[in-house]
Amino acid sequence: MKSYKPKQKRGYEAEQNFLQAAKTIFAKEGVARARVSDIVQLAGSSTGNFYFRFKNKEMLFERLFEIYEEHAQGLIQDLQDPLGSLESTIYFVTALNQQLLQENVGLYRAAHEVSAKEPETWKRFQQLTLATAERILTLCEPYKDEIPFEDWELQVRQAIQLITGFTANQAIRDAGPAHFGSQAMVDMLFLAAMGVLGRTPSKEFESQKEKIHQILKDDRYS
């Protein structure tokens, strides 16, 4: 289902208001229980304006998803090895992945709900995970001799699966002491991913984390 895309500035601003409102409502209520009237009220618009742009909540969700996919694909291309080490590469993707889902938790929870009836929705997320793994493989290739496994690529793929899968689960359920959106969760996943790679982070790396968080404040990552 193709969504409506505004061509004029005024239409773009109206769309953004609806999209931001939908993220908030979907995070609280999901898609099925979300009411168009609540989205309209939060967007500061009218029901007529909503239906002029979107036939229903499902089309609004699809537009959110399209924007998310485009943004995520750009972020994947911008993944980097910020400090010239295997540790910094893995920490960077761990922190960025949580940041991305934290900014789009309403969409993610809605997608989890929708995917029960439309499995293709979840496959779109899986494609993004596969693309992330391919990009990280390229970045980790210079450090393959530091990964003490015959199939180092498999270990990197498993590390990315761990990072993305656990973060996704926490975005939906937020269970346990390492809460979604917390530094504790980033640290836990980073250590776990490094364990999958057969590595223990150096003590010196702890002082380098803040440099990576400063890089993640760049506009291209938000």
N, C-alpha and C. Protein backbone atom coordinates (compact mmCIF):
# COMPACT_ATOMS: atom_id res chain seq x y z
N MET A 1 0.84 -1.19 0.00
CA MET A 1 0.00 0.00 0.00
C MET A 1 0.88 1.25 0.00
N LYS A 2 0.74 2.05 -1.05
CA LYS A 2 1.51 3.28 -1.14
C LYS A 2 0.87 4.36 -0.29
N SER A 3 1.69 5.15 0.35
CA SER A 3 1.16 6.19 1.22
C SER A 3 1.19 7.53 0.52
N TYR A 4 0.48 8.47 1.10
CA TYR A 4 0.43 9.84 0.60
C TYR A 4 1.72 10.57 0.94
N LYS A 5 2.29 11.28 -0.04
CA LYS A 5 3.50 12.06 0.21
C LYS A 5 3.26 13.51 -0.21
N PRO A 6 3.30 14.44 0.72
CA PRO A 6 3.03 15.84 0.41
C PRO A 6 4.10 16.46 -0.47
N LYS A 7 3.70 17.39 -1.32
CA LYS A 7 4.65 18.05 -2.22
C LYS A 7 4.96 19.48 -1.80
N GLN A 8 4.07 20.11 -1.05
CA GLN A 8 4.27 21.50 -0.64
C GLN A 8 4.69 21.57 0.82
N LYS A 9 5.35 22.69 1.17
CA LYS A 9 5.86 22.87 2.53
C LYS A 9 4.74 22.79 3.56
N ARG A 10 3.61 23.41 3.24
CA ARG A 10 2.49 23.41 4.18
C ARG A 10 1.99 21.99 4.42
N GLY A 11 1.92 21.23 3.33
CA GLY A 11 1.48 19.84 3.44
C GLY A 11 2.48 19.00 4.22
N TYR A 12 3.76 19.29 4.02
CA TYR A 12 4.81 18.56 4.73
C TYR A 12 4.71 18.81 6.23
N GLU A 13 4.49 20.06 6.61
CA GLU A 13 4.39 20.40 8.03
C GLU A 13 3.17 19.73 8.67
N ALA A 14 2.06 19.71 7.93
CA ALA A 14 0.85 19.05 8.44
C ALA A 14 1.10 17.55 8.62
N GLU A 15 1.80 16.97 7.64
CA GLU A 15 2.11 15.54 7.72
C GLU A 15 2.98 15.25 8.94
N GLN A 16 3.99 16.08 9.17
CA GLN A 16 4.89 15.87 10.30
C GLN A 16 4.13 15.90 11.63
N ASN A 17 3.17 16.79 11.73
CA ASN A 17 2.36 16.86 12.95
C ASN A 17 1.58 15.57 13.18
N PHE A 18 1.02 15.03 12.10
CA PHE A 18 0.29 13.76 12.21
C PHE A 18 1.24 12.61 12.56
N LEU A 19 2.41 12.60 11.93
CA LEU A 19 3.36 11.52 12.16
C LEU A 19 3.87 11.51 13.59
N GLN A 20 4.19 12.69 14.11
CA GLN A 20 4.67 12.77 15.49
C GLN A 20 3.58 12.37 16.47
N ALA A 21 2.36 12.80 16.18
CA ALA A 21 1.23 12.42 17.04
C ALA A 21 1.01 10.91 17.00
N ALA A 22 1.11 10.34 15.81
CA ALA A 22 0.90 8.90 15.67
C ALA A 22 1.96 8.11 16.44
N LYS A 23 3.21 8.56 16.40
CA LYS A 23 4.27 7.88 17.15
C LYS A 23 3.92 7.81 18.64
N THR A 24 3.44 8.93 19.15
CA THR A 24 3.09 9.00 20.57
C THR A 24 1.91 8.10 20.91
N ILE A 25 0.86 8.18 20.10
CA ILE A 25 -0.35 7.39 20.36
C ILE A 25 -0.09 5.90 20.15
N PHE A 26 0.63 5.55 19.08
CA PHE A 26 0.94 4.14 18.82
C PHE A 26 1.77 3.54 19.94
N ALA A 27 2.69 4.33 20.51
CA ALA A 27 3.54 3.83 21.60
C ALA A 27 2.69 3.46 22.82
N LYS A 28 1.63 4.23 23.05
CA LYS A 28 0.78 4.00 24.22
C LYS A 28 -0.31 2.97 23.96
N GLU A 29 -0.92 3.04 22.76
CA GLU A 29 -2.13 2.25 22.50
C GLU A 29 -1.97 1.16 21.45
N GLY A 30 -0.91 1.23 20.64
CA GLY A 30 -0.84 0.33 19.51
C GLY A 30 -1.69 0.86 18.37
N VAL A 31 -1.77 0.13 17.27
CA VAL A 31 -2.54 0.59 16.12
C VAL A 31 -4.03 0.30 16.29
N ALA A 32 -4.37 -0.91 16.71
CA ALA A 32 -5.77 -1.31 16.80
C ALA A 32 -6.57 -0.43 17.76
N ARG A 33 -5.99 -0.09 18.90
CA ARG A 33 -6.71 0.69 19.91
C ARG A 33 -6.56 2.20 19.72
N ALA A 34 -5.63 2.60 18.88
CA ALA A 34 -5.45 4.04 18.64
C ALA A 34 -6.68 4.61 17.94
N ARG A 35 -7.09 5.80 18.35
CA ARG A 35 -8.25 6.45 17.74
C ARG A 35 -7.78 7.62 16.88
N VAL A 36 -8.37 7.71 15.70
CA VAL A 36 -8.03 8.81 14.81
C VAL A 36 -8.27 10.15 15.50
N SER A 37 -9.32 10.24 16.28
CA SER A 37 -9.65 11.49 16.96
C SER A 37 -8.53 11.92 17.92
N ASP A 38 -7.89 10.94 18.57
CA ASP A 38 -6.78 11.26 19.48
C ASP A 38 -5.56 11.75 18.72
N ILE A 39 -5.30 11.11 17.58
CA ILE A 39 -4.17 11.52 16.74
C ILE A 39 -4.40 12.93 16.22
N VAL A 40 -5.62 13.18 15.76
CA VAL A 40 -5.98 14.50 15.23
C VAL A 40 -5.83 15.58 16.31
N GLN A 41 -6.32 15.28 17.50
CA GLN A 41 -6.25 16.26 18.59
C GLN A 41 -4.80 16.56 18.96
N LEU A 42 -3.98 15.53 19.08
CA LEU A 42 -2.58 15.73 19.44
C LEU A 42 -1.82 16.47 18.34
N ALA A 43 -2.22 16.25 17.09
CA ALA A 43 -1.58 16.92 15.96
C ALA A 43 -2.04 18.37 15.81
N GLY A 44 -3.11 18.73 16.53
CA GLY A 44 -3.64 20.08 16.43
C GLY A 44 -4.27 20.35 15.08
N SER A 45 -4.92 19.33 14.52
CA SER A 45 -5.49 19.46 13.18
C SER A 45 -6.96 19.07 13.20
N SER A 46 -7.48 18.70 12.04
CA SER A 46 -8.89 18.34 11.92
C SER A 46 -9.03 16.95 11.33
N THR A 47 -10.18 16.34 11.58
CA THR A 47 -10.44 15.01 11.04
C THR A 47 -10.44 15.03 9.52
N GLY A 48 -11.01 16.09 8.95
CA GLY A 48 -11.03 16.22 7.50
C GLY A 48 -9.64 16.28 6.91
N ASN A 49 -8.75 17.01 7.57
CA ASN A 49 -7.37 17.11 7.11
C ASN A 49 -6.68 15.75 7.18
N PHE A 50 -6.99 15.00 8.24
CA PHE A 50 -6.39 13.67 8.38
C PHE A 50 -6.81 12.79 7.21
N TYR A 51 -8.11 12.72 6.94
CA TYR A 51 -8.59 11.82 5.89
C TYR A 51 -8.25 12.33 4.49
N PHE A 52 -7.92 13.60 4.37
CA PHE A 52 -7.44 14.11 3.09
C PHE A 52 -6.06 13.52 2.78
N ARG A 53 -5.27 13.30 3.83
CA ARG A 53 -3.89 12.83 3.66
C ARG A 53 -3.76 11.32 3.81
N PHE A 54 -4.57 10.73 4.67
CA PHE A 54 -4.47 9.29 4.94
C PHE A 54 -5.88 8.69 4.94
N LYS A 55 -6.04 7.59 4.25
CA LYS A 55 -7.36 6.96 4.21
C LYS A 55 -7.75 6.38 5.57
N ASN A 56 -6.73 5.94 6.33
CA ASN A 56 -6.99 5.29 7.61
C ASN A 56 -5.71 5.25 8.44
N LYS A 57 -5.81 4.66 9.62
CA LYS A 57 -4.63 4.55 10.51
C LYS A 57 -3.54 3.71 9.87
N GLU A 58 -3.96 2.68 9.11
CA GLU A 58 -3.00 1.78 8.50
C GLU A 58 -2.13 2.51 7.47
N MET A 59 -2.73 3.44 6.73
CA MET A 59 -1.94 4.19 5.76
C MET A 59 -0.99 5.16 6.47
N LEU A 60 -1.42 5.70 7.59
CA LEU A 60 -0.55 6.55 8.39
C LEU A 60 0.64 5.73 8.91
N PHE A 61 0.36 4.52 9.38
CA PHE A 61 1.43 3.63 9.84
C PHE A 61 2.41 3.33 8.70
N GLU A 62 1.88 3.07 7.52
CA GLU A 62 2.74 2.76 6.37
C GLU A 62 3.65 3.93 6.03
N ARG A 63 3.12 5.14 6.13
CA ARG A 63 3.96 6.32 5.86
C ARG A 63 5.07 6.43 6.90
N LEU A 64 4.75 6.18 8.15
CA LEU A 64 5.76 6.16 9.21
C LEU A 64 6.84 5.13 8.91
N PHE A 65 6.41 3.97 8.46
CA PHE A 65 7.35 2.88 8.19
C PHE A 65 8.26 3.24 7.01
N GLU A 66 7.70 3.83 5.98
CA GLU A 66 8.51 4.22 4.82
C GLU A 66 9.62 5.19 5.23
N ILE A 67 9.25 6.18 6.04
CA ILE A 67 10.23 7.17 6.50
C ILE A 67 11.29 6.50 7.36
N TYR A 68 10.85 5.58 8.22
CA TYR A 68 11.79 4.85 9.08
C TYR A 68 12.79 4.05 8.24
N GLU A 69 12.29 3.34 7.24
CA GLU A 69 13.16 2.54 6.38
C GLU A 69 14.21 3.40 5.68
N GLU A 70 13.77 4.51 5.13
CA GLU A 70 14.70 5.41 4.43
C GLU A 70 15.77 5.93 5.39
N HIS A 71 15.34 6.32 6.58
CA HIS A 71 16.27 6.84 7.58
C HIS A 71 17.25 5.76 8.03
N ALA A 72 16.73 4.56 8.30
CA ALA A 72 17.57 3.46 8.76
C ALA A 72 18.59 3.06 7.70
N GLN A 73 18.18 3.04 6.44
CA GLN A 73 19.10 2.71 5.36
C GLN A 73 20.24 3.72 5.26
N GLY A 74 19.91 4.98 5.50
CA GLY A 74 20.94 6.02 5.50
C GLY A 74 21.90 5.84 6.67
N LEU A 75 21.36 5.49 7.84
CA LEU A 75 22.20 5.27 9.02
C LEU A 75 23.14 4.09 8.81
N ILE A 76 22.65 3.05 8.16
CA ILE A 76 23.48 1.87 7.90
C ILE A 76 24.69 2.26 7.05
N GLN A 77 24.45 3.08 6.04
CA GLN A 77 25.56 3.54 5.21
C GLN A 77 26.54 4.40 5.99
N ASP A 78 26.04 5.09 7.00
CA ASP A 78 26.88 5.99 7.80
C ASP A 78 27.51 5.32 9.02
N LEU A 79 27.27 4.02 9.20
CA LEU A 79 27.94 3.30 10.28
C LEU A 79 29.44 3.43 10.09
N GLN A 80 30.17 3.59 11.18
CA GLN A 80 31.60 3.81 11.05
C GLN A 80 32.38 3.16 12.18
N ASP A 81 33.69 3.12 11.97
CA ASP A 81 34.64 2.69 12.99
C ASP A 81 35.21 3.98 13.56
N PRO A 82 34.57 4.55 14.58
CA PRO A 82 34.88 5.92 14.99
C PRO A 82 36.26 6.15 15.59
N LEU A 83 36.80 5.12 16.26
CA LEU A 83 38.08 5.32 16.96
C LEU A 83 39.16 4.34 16.52
N GLY A 84 38.91 3.66 15.41
CA GLY A 84 39.94 2.77 14.87
C GLY A 84 40.17 1.51 15.68
N SER A 85 39.10 0.83 16.08
CA SER A 85 39.25 -0.42 16.82
C SER A 85 38.00 -1.27 16.67
N LEU A 86 38.14 -2.57 16.91
CA LEU A 86 36.98 -3.46 16.89
C LEU A 86 35.99 -3.05 17.97
N GLU A 87 36.50 -2.68 19.12
CA GLU A 87 35.64 -2.27 20.23
C GLU A 87 34.78 -1.07 19.85
N SER A 88 35.40 -0.07 19.25
CA SER A 88 34.64 1.15 18.93
C SER A 88 33.58 0.88 17.86
N THR A 89 33.88 -0.02 16.93
CA THR A 89 32.91 -0.37 15.89
C THR A 89 31.68 -1.04 16.50
N ILE A 90 31.89 -2.00 17.39
CA ILE A 90 30.79 -2.73 18.01
C ILE A 90 30.01 -1.82 18.97
N TYR A 91 30.72 -1.00 19.71
CA TYR A 91 30.03 -0.09 20.63
C TYR A 91 29.20 0.92 19.85
N PHE A 92 29.74 1.41 18.74
CA PHE A 92 29.04 2.40 17.93
C PHE A 92 27.71 1.86 17.43
N VAL A 93 27.71 0.66 16.85
CA VAL A 93 26.47 0.11 16.31
C VAL A 93 25.49 -0.24 17.43
N THR A 94 26.00 -0.64 18.59
CA THR A 94 25.13 -0.95 19.73
C THR A 94 24.41 0.31 20.21
N ALA A 95 25.15 1.38 20.40
CA ALA A 95 24.57 2.63 20.88
C ALA A 95 23.63 3.25 19.85
N LEU A 96 24.04 3.21 18.57
CA LEU A 96 23.20 3.80 17.52
C LEU A 96 21.91 3.02 17.35
N ASN A 97 21.97 1.70 17.43
CA ASN A 97 20.77 0.88 17.28
C ASN A 97 19.74 1.22 18.35
N GLN A 98 20.19 1.35 19.60
CA GLN A 98 19.26 1.70 20.66
C GLN A 98 18.71 3.11 20.45
N GLN A 99 19.56 4.03 20.03
CA GLN A 99 19.13 5.41 19.80
C GLN A 99 18.04 5.45 18.73
N LEU A 100 18.23 4.68 17.65
CA LEU A 100 17.26 4.64 16.55
C LEU A 100 15.91 4.11 17.03
N LEU A 101 15.92 3.00 17.76
CA LEU A 101 14.66 2.43 18.22
C LEU A 101 14.01 3.29 19.29
N GLN A 102 14.82 3.94 20.10
CA GLN A 102 14.27 4.82 21.14
C GLN A 102 13.52 5.98 20.50
N GLU A 103 14.04 6.49 19.40
CA GLU A 103 13.40 7.60 18.70
C GLU A 103 12.15 7.15 17.94
N ASN A 104 12.03 5.85 17.70
CA ASN A 104 10.92 5.33 16.90
C ASN A 104 10.17 4.20 17.61
N VAL A 105 10.14 4.26 18.94
CA VAL A 105 9.54 3.17 19.69
C VAL A 105 8.05 3.01 19.40
N GLY A 106 7.35 4.10 19.13
CA GLY A 106 5.93 4.01 18.78
C GLY A 106 5.72 3.22 17.51
N LEU A 107 6.53 3.52 16.49
CA LEU A 107 6.45 2.79 15.23
C LEU A 107 6.80 1.32 15.45
N TYR A 108 7.83 1.07 16.23
CA TYR A 108 8.29 -0.30 16.41
C TYR A 108 7.24 -1.16 17.11
N ARG A 109 6.62 -0.61 18.13
CA ARG A 109 5.58 -1.36 18.83
C ARG A 109 4.37 -1.58 17.93
N ALA A 110 4.07 -0.58 17.12
CA ALA A 110 2.96 -0.72 16.17
C ALA A 110 3.28 -1.80 15.14
N ALA A 111 4.53 -1.82 14.66
CA ALA A 111 4.93 -2.81 13.66
C ALA A 111 4.86 -4.22 14.23
N HIS A 112 5.21 -4.37 15.49
CA HIS A 112 5.13 -5.69 16.14
C HIS A 112 3.68 -6.16 16.17
N GLU A 113 2.77 -5.25 16.44
CA GLU A 113 1.34 -5.59 16.47
C GLU A 113 0.83 -5.94 15.07
N VAL A 114 1.17 -5.10 14.10
CA VAL A 114 0.69 -5.30 12.73
C VAL A 114 1.24 -6.59 12.13
N SER A 115 2.48 -6.94 12.48
CA SER A 115 3.13 -8.11 11.88
C SER A 115 2.44 -9.43 12.23
N ALA A 116 1.61 -9.43 13.29
CA ALA A 116 0.87 -10.65 13.64
C ALA A 116 -0.08 -11.05 12.51
N LYS A 117 -0.61 -10.05 11.80
CA LYS A 117 -1.51 -10.31 10.68
C LYS A 117 -0.80 -10.15 9.34
N GLU A 118 0.27 -9.37 9.34
CA GLU A 118 1.02 -9.12 8.10
C GLU A 118 2.50 -9.41 8.33
N PRO A 119 2.92 -10.68 8.22
CA PRO A 119 4.30 -11.07 8.48
C PRO A 119 5.32 -10.32 7.64
N GLU A 120 4.90 -9.83 6.49
CA GLU A 120 5.81 -9.10 5.61
C GLU A 120 6.38 -7.86 6.30
N THR A 121 5.61 -7.30 7.23
CA THR A 121 6.08 -6.12 7.97
C THR A 121 7.36 -6.43 8.72
N TRP A 122 7.40 -7.56 9.40
CA TRP A 122 8.59 -7.93 10.18
C TRP A 122 9.77 -8.27 9.28
N LYS A 123 9.47 -8.80 8.09
CA LYS A 123 10.54 -9.13 7.15
C LYS A 123 11.28 -7.87 6.72
N ARG A 124 10.58 -6.75 6.70
CA ARG A 124 11.23 -5.49 6.33
C ARG A 124 12.25 -5.09 7.38
N PHE A 125 11.94 -5.34 8.65
CA PHE A 125 12.92 -5.09 9.71
C PHE A 125 14.10 -6.05 9.57
N GLN A 126 13.82 -7.30 9.23
CA GLN A 126 14.88 -8.29 9.08
C GLN A 126 15.85 -7.90 7.97
N GLN A 127 15.33 -7.32 6.91
CA GLN A 127 16.20 -6.88 5.82
C GLN A 127 17.15 -5.78 6.28
N LEU A 128 16.67 -4.91 7.15
CA LEU A 128 17.53 -3.86 7.70
C LEU A 128 18.61 -4.45 8.59
N THR A 129 18.27 -5.49 9.35
CA THR A 129 19.26 -6.16 10.20
C THR A 129 20.33 -6.82 9.35
N LEU A 130 19.94 -7.46 8.26
CA LEU A 130 20.90 -8.10 7.36
C LEU A 130 21.83 -7.07 6.74
N ALA A 131 21.27 -5.93 6.35
CA ALA A 131 22.09 -4.87 5.76
C ALA A 131 23.07 -4.31 6.79
N THR A 132 22.61 -4.20 8.04
CA THR A 132 23.49 -3.74 9.12
C THR A 132 24.67 -4.69 9.29
N ALA A 133 24.38 -5.99 9.30
CA ALA A 133 25.43 -6.99 9.46
C ALA A 133 26.46 -6.90 8.34
N GLU A 134 26.00 -6.70 7.12
CA GLU A 134 26.92 -6.60 5.99
C GLU A 134 27.84 -5.39 6.13
N ARG A 135 27.28 -4.29 6.58
CA ARG A 135 28.09 -3.07 6.76
C ARG A 135 29.10 -3.27 7.89
N ILE A 136 28.69 -3.88 8.98
CA ILE A 136 29.60 -4.11 10.11
C ILE A 136 30.68 -5.11 9.74
N LEU A 137 30.35 -6.09 8.91
CA LEU A 137 31.37 -7.03 8.42
C LEU A 137 32.49 -6.29 7.70
N THR A 138 32.11 -5.33 6.88
CA THR A 138 33.10 -4.54 6.15
C THR A 138 33.99 -3.76 7.13
N LEU A 139 33.36 -3.17 8.15
CA LEU A 139 34.12 -2.38 9.12
C LEU A 139 35.00 -3.25 10.01
N CYS A 140 34.57 -4.49 10.26
CA CYS A 140 35.34 -5.38 11.14
C CYS A 140 36.43 -6.16 10.41
N GLU A 141 36.39 -6.15 9.10
CA GLU A 141 37.34 -6.95 8.32
C GLU A 141 38.80 -6.67 8.69
N PRO A 142 39.20 -5.40 8.92
CA PRO A 142 40.60 -5.14 9.31
C PRO A 142 40.99 -5.78 10.65
N TYR A 143 40.00 -6.16 11.45
CA TYR A 143 40.26 -6.71 12.78
C TYR A 143 39.95 -8.21 12.86
N LYS A 144 39.79 -8.86 11.71
CA LYS A 144 39.37 -10.27 11.72
C LYS A 144 40.37 -11.16 12.46
N ASP A 145 41.65 -10.80 12.44
CA ASP A 145 42.64 -11.61 13.15
C ASP A 145 42.51 -11.51 14.67
N GLU A 146 41.77 -10.50 15.13
CA GLU A 146 41.55 -10.34 16.57
C GLU A 146 40.38 -11.20 17.06
N ILE A 147 39.62 -11.76 16.13
CA ILE A 147 38.46 -12.58 16.48
C ILE A 147 38.88 -14.05 16.41
N PRO A 148 39.02 -14.71 17.56
CA PRO A 148 39.62 -16.05 17.62
C PRO A 148 38.69 -17.19 17.20
N PHE A 149 38.12 -17.06 16.00
CA PHE A 149 37.25 -18.10 15.48
C PHE A 149 37.59 -18.32 14.01
N GLU A 150 37.45 -19.55 13.55
CA GLU A 150 37.75 -19.85 12.15
C GLU A 150 36.83 -19.08 11.22
N ASP A 151 35.54 -19.03 11.57
CA ASP A 151 34.57 -18.28 10.76
C ASP A 151 34.25 -16.97 11.48
N TRP A 152 35.10 -15.98 11.32
CA TRP A 152 34.92 -14.71 12.03
C TRP A 152 33.67 -13.97 11.56
N GLU A 153 33.31 -14.17 10.28
CA GLU A 153 32.13 -13.49 9.75
C GLU A 153 30.86 -13.98 10.45
N LEU A 154 30.79 -15.28 10.70
CA LEU A 154 29.63 -15.83 11.40
C LEU A 154 29.51 -15.22 12.79
N GLN A 155 30.63 -15.05 13.47
CA GLN A 155 30.60 -14.47 14.81
C GLN A 155 30.11 -13.03 14.78
N VAL A 156 30.54 -12.27 13.78
CA VAL A 156 30.08 -10.88 13.65
C VAL A 156 28.58 -10.85 13.39
N ARG A 157 28.10 -11.73 12.51
CA ARG A 157 26.66 -11.78 12.22
C ARG A 157 25.87 -12.11 13.49
N GLN A 158 26.39 -13.05 14.27
CA GLN A 158 25.70 -13.42 15.51
C GLN A 158 25.71 -12.28 16.52
N ALA A 159 26.80 -11.54 16.56
CA ALA A 159 26.88 -10.39 17.47
C ALA A 159 25.84 -9.33 17.09
N ILE A 160 25.69 -9.09 15.80
CA ILE A 160 24.69 -8.11 15.33
C ILE A 160 23.28 -8.62 15.61
N GLN A 161 23.07 -9.92 15.41
CA GLN A 161 21.76 -10.50 15.72
C GLN A 161 21.42 -10.33 17.19
N LEU A 162 22.41 -10.53 18.04
CA LEU A 162 22.21 -10.36 19.48
C LEU A 162 21.84 -8.91 19.80
N ILE A 163 22.60 -7.98 19.25
CA ILE A 163 22.37 -6.55 19.52
C ILE A 163 20.98 -6.12 19.07
N THR A 164 20.66 -6.41 17.81
CA THR A 164 19.39 -5.94 17.25
C THR A 164 18.20 -6.69 17.84
N GLY A 165 18.35 -8.00 18.04
CA GLY A 165 17.25 -8.80 18.56
C GLY A 165 16.88 -8.45 19.99
N PHE A 166 17.88 -8.30 20.85
CA PHE A 166 17.59 -7.98 22.25
C PHE A 166 17.03 -6.56 22.37
N THR A 167 17.60 -5.63 21.61
CA THR A 167 17.09 -4.25 21.65
C THR A 167 15.64 -4.20 21.19
N ALA A 168 15.32 -4.97 20.15
CA ALA A 168 13.94 -5.03 19.65
C ALA A 168 13.00 -5.56 20.72
N ASN A 169 13.42 -6.62 21.40
CA ASN A 169 12.60 -7.21 22.45
C ASN A 169 12.36 -6.22 23.59
N GLN A 170 13.40 -5.49 23.97
CA GLN A 170 13.26 -4.51 25.05
C GLN A 170 12.39 -3.33 24.62
N ALA A 171 12.45 -2.96 23.36
CA ALA A 171 11.62 -1.86 22.87
C ALA A 171 10.14 -2.20 22.99
N ILE A 172 9.83 -3.49 22.90
CA ILE A 172 8.45 -3.94 22.98
C ILE A 172 8.01 -4.20 24.42
N ARG A 173 8.91 -4.84 25.20
CA ARG A 173 8.51 -5.30 26.55
C ARG A 173 9.19 -4.57 27.69
N ASP A 174 10.41 -4.11 27.50
CA ASP A 174 11.17 -3.37 28.53
C ASP A 174 11.18 -4.11 29.86
N ALA A 175 11.72 -5.33 29.86
CA ALA A 175 11.78 -6.14 31.07
C ALA A 175 13.22 -6.24 31.58
N GLY A 176 13.37 -6.44 32.89
CA GLY A 176 14.70 -6.65 33.46
C GLY A 176 15.35 -5.36 33.93
N PRO A 177 16.50 -5.49 34.60
CA PRO A 177 17.17 -4.30 35.17
C PRO A 177 17.80 -3.37 34.13
N ALA A 178 18.24 -3.93 32.99
CA ALA A 178 18.84 -3.09 31.95
C ALA A 178 17.72 -2.57 31.05
N HIS A 179 17.10 -1.49 31.45
CA HIS A 179 15.91 -1.00 30.77
C HIS A 179 16.22 -0.40 29.40
N PHE A 180 15.22 -0.52 28.52
CA PHE A 180 15.32 0.06 27.18
C PHE A 180 15.60 1.56 27.28
N GLY A 181 16.58 2.02 26.54
CA GLY A 181 16.93 3.44 26.54
C GLY A 181 17.99 3.80 27.55
N SER A 182 18.45 2.83 28.34
CA SER A 182 19.43 3.13 29.39
C SER A 182 20.86 2.86 28.93
N GLN A 183 21.80 3.55 29.56
CA GLN A 183 23.21 3.28 29.30
C GLN A 183 23.57 1.87 29.75
N ALA A 184 22.91 1.40 30.80
CA ALA A 184 23.16 0.04 31.29
C ALA A 184 22.88 -1.00 30.21
N MET A 185 21.84 -0.77 29.40
CA MET A 185 21.52 -1.72 28.35
C MET A 185 22.57 -1.68 27.24
N VAL A 186 23.02 -0.49 26.88
CA VAL A 186 24.08 -0.38 25.87
C VAL A 186 25.33 -1.11 26.34
N ASP A 187 25.72 -0.88 27.59
CA ASP A 187 26.92 -1.51 28.13
C ASP A 187 26.79 -3.03 28.17
N MET A 188 25.61 -3.51 28.59
CA MET A 188 25.39 -4.95 28.68
C MET A 188 25.48 -5.61 27.31
N LEU A 189 24.82 -5.01 26.31
CA LEU A 189 24.84 -5.57 24.96
C LEU A 189 26.22 -5.50 24.33
N PHE A 190 26.93 -4.42 24.60
CA PHE A 190 28.29 -4.28 24.08
C PHE A 190 29.18 -5.40 24.62
N LEU A 191 29.12 -5.64 25.92
CA LEU A 191 29.93 -6.70 26.53
C LEU A 191 29.52 -8.07 26.00
N ALA A 192 28.21 -8.29 25.84
CA ALA A 192 27.73 -9.57 25.32
C ALA A 192 28.20 -9.79 23.88
N ALA A 193 28.10 -8.74 23.05
CA ALA A 193 28.53 -8.85 21.66
C ALA A 193 30.03 -9.10 21.56
N MET A 194 30.80 -8.42 22.38
CA MET A 194 32.25 -8.65 22.40
C MET A 194 32.54 -10.09 22.84
N GLY A 195 31.73 -10.62 23.75
CA GLY A 195 31.89 -12.01 24.16
C GLY A 195 31.65 -12.97 23.01
N VAL A 196 30.64 -12.68 22.19
CA VAL A 196 30.37 -13.49 21.01
C VAL A 196 31.59 -13.48 20.08
N LEU A 197 32.29 -12.37 20.05
CA LEU A 197 33.49 -12.24 19.22
C LEU A 197 34.74 -12.78 19.91
N GLY A 198 34.56 -13.32 21.12
CA GLY A 198 35.69 -13.89 21.83
C GLY A 198 36.65 -12.86 22.39
N ARG A 199 36.14 -11.68 22.64
CA ARG A 199 36.99 -10.59 23.11
C ARG A 199 36.47 -9.99 24.41
N THR A 200 37.39 -9.48 25.21
CA THR A 200 37.05 -8.71 26.40
C THR A 200 37.54 -7.28 26.17
N PRO A 201 36.66 -6.28 26.28
CA PRO A 201 37.09 -4.89 26.04
C PRO A 201 38.21 -4.48 26.99
N SER A 202 39.12 -3.69 26.49
CA SER A 202 40.22 -3.20 27.32
C SER A 202 39.69 -2.20 28.34
N LYS A 203 40.39 -2.06 29.45
CA LYS A 203 39.99 -1.10 30.47
C LYS A 203 40.04 0.33 29.94
N GLU A 204 40.96 0.57 29.01
CA GLU A 204 41.11 1.92 28.45
C GLU A 204 39.89 2.35 27.63
N PHE A 205 39.15 1.37 27.09
CA PHE A 205 38.02 1.72 26.23
C PHE A 205 36.92 2.44 26.99
N GLU A 206 36.78 2.18 28.26
CA GLU A 206 35.73 2.81 29.07
C GLU A 206 35.77 4.33 28.94
N SER A 207 36.97 4.89 28.90
CA SER A 207 37.11 6.35 28.83
C SER A 207 36.84 6.89 27.42
N GLN A 208 36.70 6.00 26.44
CA GLN A 208 36.49 6.43 25.05
C GLN A 208 35.01 6.45 24.65
N LYS A 209 34.16 5.90 25.50
CA LYS A 209 32.74 5.82 25.16
C LYS A 209 32.12 7.19 24.92
N GLU A 210 32.49 8.16 25.73
CA GLU A 210 31.91 9.49 25.61
C GLU A 210 32.21 10.11 24.25
N LYS A 211 33.37 9.81 23.69
CA LYS A 211 33.72 10.32 22.36
C LYS A 211 32.73 9.79 21.33
N ILE A 212 32.36 8.54 21.47
CA ILE A 212 31.41 7.93 20.54
C ILE A 212 30.03 8.54 20.70
N HIS A 213 29.62 8.79 21.93
CA HIS A 213 28.31 9.42 22.16
C HIS A 213 28.28 10.84 21.60
N GLN A 214 29.39 11.52 21.61
CA GLN A 214 29.46 12.85 21.01
C GLN A 214 29.28 12.76 19.50
N ILE A 215 29.88 11.76 18.88
CA ILE A 215 29.73 11.56 17.43
C ILE A 215 28.27 11.27 17.09
N LEU A 216 27.59 10.52 17.95
CA LEU A 216 26.19 10.15 17.70
C LEU A 216 25.23 11.33 17.83
N LYS A 217 25.72 12.45 18.34
CA LYS A 217 24.90 13.65 18.43
C LYS A 217 24.87 14.42 17.10
N ASP A 218 25.70 14.00 16.16
CA ASP A 218 25.73 14.62 14.84
C ASP A 218 24.35 14.49 14.18
N ASP A 219 23.96 15.50 13.41
CA ASP A 219 22.63 15.53 12.79
C ASP A 219 22.33 14.30 11.94
N ARG A 220 23.33 13.74 11.30
CA ARG A 220 23.06 12.60 10.41
C ARG A 220 22.62 11.36 11.16
N TYR A 221 22.87 11.31 12.47
CA TYR A 221 22.48 10.15 13.27
C TYR A 221 21.21 10.39 14.07
N SER A 222 20.55 11.51 13.86
CA SER A 222 19.32 11.80 14.61
C SER A 222 18.13 11.95 13.67
